[in-house]
């Protein structure tokens, strides 16, 4: 069995706030463990890894071949 990670620790590992983590959980973007309704919420290492993988984007390459991380200003 994997170690269970608290909401606060999971948010710290992901570099986001607990509120942002809760919104991701409520929208179904990250899996979680809750033993009883209205009980404590925990996350597994696999759930955190999957969340990171789903929210990781590749660098786009501009027309001149250089990587760009945002749109060019007009």
C-alpha atoms as a PDB file:
ATOM      1  CA  UNK A   1       0.000   0.000   0.000  1.00  0.00           C
ATOM      2  CA  UNK A   2       1.231   3.477  -0.855  1.00  0.00           C
ATOM      3  CA  UNK A   3       1.759   6.197   1.686  1.00  0.00           C
ATOM      4  CA  UNK A   4      -1.146   8.600   1.939  1.00  0.00           C
ATOM      5  CA  UNK A   5      -0.335  12.288   1.564  1.00  0.00           C
ATOM      6  CA  UNK A   6      -2.361  15.024   3.240  1.00  0.00           C
ATOM      7  CA  UNK A   7      -3.926  17.906   1.321  1.00  0.00           C
ATOM      8  CA  UNK A   8      -1.429  20.378   2.726  1.00  0.00           C
ATOM      9  CA  UNK A   9       1.576  18.212   1.847  1.00  0.00           C
ATOM     10  CA  UNK A  10       0.219  17.427  -1.641  1.00  0.00           C
ATOM     11  CA  UNK A  11      -0.309  21.138  -2.324  1.00  0.00           C
ATOM     12  CA  UNK A  12       3.250  21.861  -1.179  1.00  0.00           C
ATOM     13  CA  UNK A  13       4.658  19.108  -3.416  1.00  0.00           C
ATOM     14  CA  UNK A  14       2.746  20.464  -6.409  1.00  0.00           C
ATOM     15  CA  UNK A  15       3.577  24.092  -5.670  1.00  0.00           C
ATOM     16  CA  UNK A  16      -0.074  25.140  -5.541  1.00  0.00           C
ATOM     17  CA  UNK A  17      -2.427  26.308  -2.816  1.00  0.00           C
ATOM     18  CA  UNK A  18      -4.692  23.943  -0.909  1.00  0.00           C
ATOM     19  CA  UNK A  19      -7.682  25.761  -2.434  1.00  0.00           C
ATOM     20  CA  UNK A  20      -6.362  25.139  -5.974  1.00  0.00           C
ATOM     21  CA  UNK A  21      -5.798  21.490  -5.067  1.00  0.00           C
ATOM     22  CA  UNK A  22      -9.369  21.244  -3.754  1.00  0.00           C
ATOM     23  CA  UNK A  23     -10.707  22.742  -6.993  1.00  0.00           C
ATOM     24  CA  UNK A  24      -8.701  20.193  -9.002  1.00  0.00           C
ATOM     25  CA  UNK A  25     -10.060  17.404  -6.810  1.00  0.00           C
ATOM     26  CA  UNK A  26     -13.659  18.608  -7.129  1.00  0.00           C
ATOM     27  CA  UNK A  27     -13.359  18.856 -10.923  1.00  0.00           C
ATOM     28  CA  UNK A  28     -11.954  15.315 -11.143  1.00  0.00           C
ATOM     29  CA  UNK A  29      -8.509  16.407 -12.314  1.00  0.00           C
ATOM     30  CA  UNK A  30      -6.756  14.528  -9.494  1.00  0.00           C
ATOM     31  CA  UNK A  31      -7.676  11.265  -7.795  1.00  0.00           C
ATOM     32  CA  UNK A  32      -8.003  11.146  -4.025  1.00  0.00           C
ATOM     33  CA  UNK A  33      -8.809   8.851  -1.101  1.00  0.00           C
ATOM     34  CA  UNK A  34     -11.537   9.625   1.415  1.00  0.00           C
ATOM     35  CA  UNK A  35     -12.476   6.907   3.881  1.00  0.00           C
ATOM     36  CA  UNK A  36     -15.776   8.372   5.088  1.00  0.00           C
ATOM     37  CA  UNK A  37     -18.020  11.078   3.686  1.00  0.00           C
ATOM     38  CA  UNK A  38     -16.960  14.470   5.078  1.00  0.00           C
ATOM     39  CA  UNK A  39     -13.753  12.845   6.350  1.00  0.00           C
ATOM     40  CA  UNK A  40     -10.131  13.704   5.719  1.00  0.00           C
ATOM     41  CA  UNK A  41      -8.925  13.675   2.116  1.00  0.00           C
ATOM     42  CA  UNK A  42      -5.622  12.071   1.133  1.00  0.00           C
ATOM     43  CA  UNK A  43      -3.663  11.636  -2.076  1.00  0.00           C
ATOM     44  CA  UNK A  44      -1.326   8.902  -3.283  1.00  0.00           C
ATOM     45  CA  UNK A  45       2.031   9.369  -4.977  1.00  0.00           C
ATOM     46  CA  UNK A  46       0.551   7.863  -8.158  1.00  0.00           C
ATOM     47  CA  UNK A  47      -2.315  10.386  -8.161  1.00  0.00           C
ATOM     48  CA  UNK A  48       0.150  13.261  -7.809  1.00  0.00           C
ATOM     49  CA  UNK A  49       2.379  11.857 -10.583  1.00  0.00           C
ATOM     50  CA  UNK A  50      -0.640  11.457 -12.887  1.00  0.00           C
ATOM     51  CA  UNK A  51      -1.782  15.006 -12.154  1.00  0.00           C
ATOM     52  CA  UNK A  52       1.668  16.345 -13.023  1.00  0.00           C
ATOM     53  CA  UNK A  53       1.746  14.301 -16.249  1.00  0.00           C
ATOM     54  CA  UNK A  54      -1.708  15.557 -17.292  1.00  0.00           C
ATOM     55  CA  UNK A  55      -0.692  19.162 -16.675  1.00  0.00           C
ATOM     56  CA  UNK A  56       2.736  19.112 -18.316  1.00  0.00           C
ATOM     57  CA  UNK A  57       2.933  20.691 -21.754  1.00  0.00           C
ATOM     58  CA  UNK A  58       5.647  20.472 -24.383  1.00  0.00           C
ATOM     59  CA  UNK A  59       7.441  23.610 -25.502  1.00  0.00           C
ATOM     60  CA  UNK A  60       6.109  24.988 -28.767  1.00  0.00           C
ATOM     61  CA  UNK A  61       8.604  25.940 -31.464  1.00  0.00           C
ATOM     62  CA  UNK A  62       8.181  29.232 -33.333  1.00  0.00           C
ATOM     63  CA  UNK A  63       8.511  29.615 -37.099  1.00  0.00           C
ATOM     64  CA  UNK A  64      12.189  30.485 -36.775  1.00  0.00           C
ATOM     65  CA  UNK A  65      12.895  27.281 -34.819  1.00  0.00           C
ATOM     66  CA  UNK A  66      13.316  28.862 -31.391  1.00  0.00           C
ATOM     67  CA  UNK A  67      11.271  27.554 -28.467  1.00  0.00           C
ATOM     68  CA  UNK A  68       8.557  29.852 -27.232  1.00  0.00           C
ATOM     69  CA  UNK A  69       6.610  29.631 -24.015  1.00  0.00           C
ATOM     70  CA  UNK A  70       3.973  32.223 -24.802  1.00  0.00           C
ATOM     71  CA  UNK A  71       2.349  33.994 -27.710  1.00  0.00           C
ATOM     72  CA  UNK A  72       4.247  36.799 -29.362  1.00  0.00           C
ATOM     73  CA  UNK A  73       2.855  40.248 -28.793  1.00  0.00           C
ATOM     74  CA  UNK A  74       1.305  41.935 -31.832  1.00  0.00           C
END
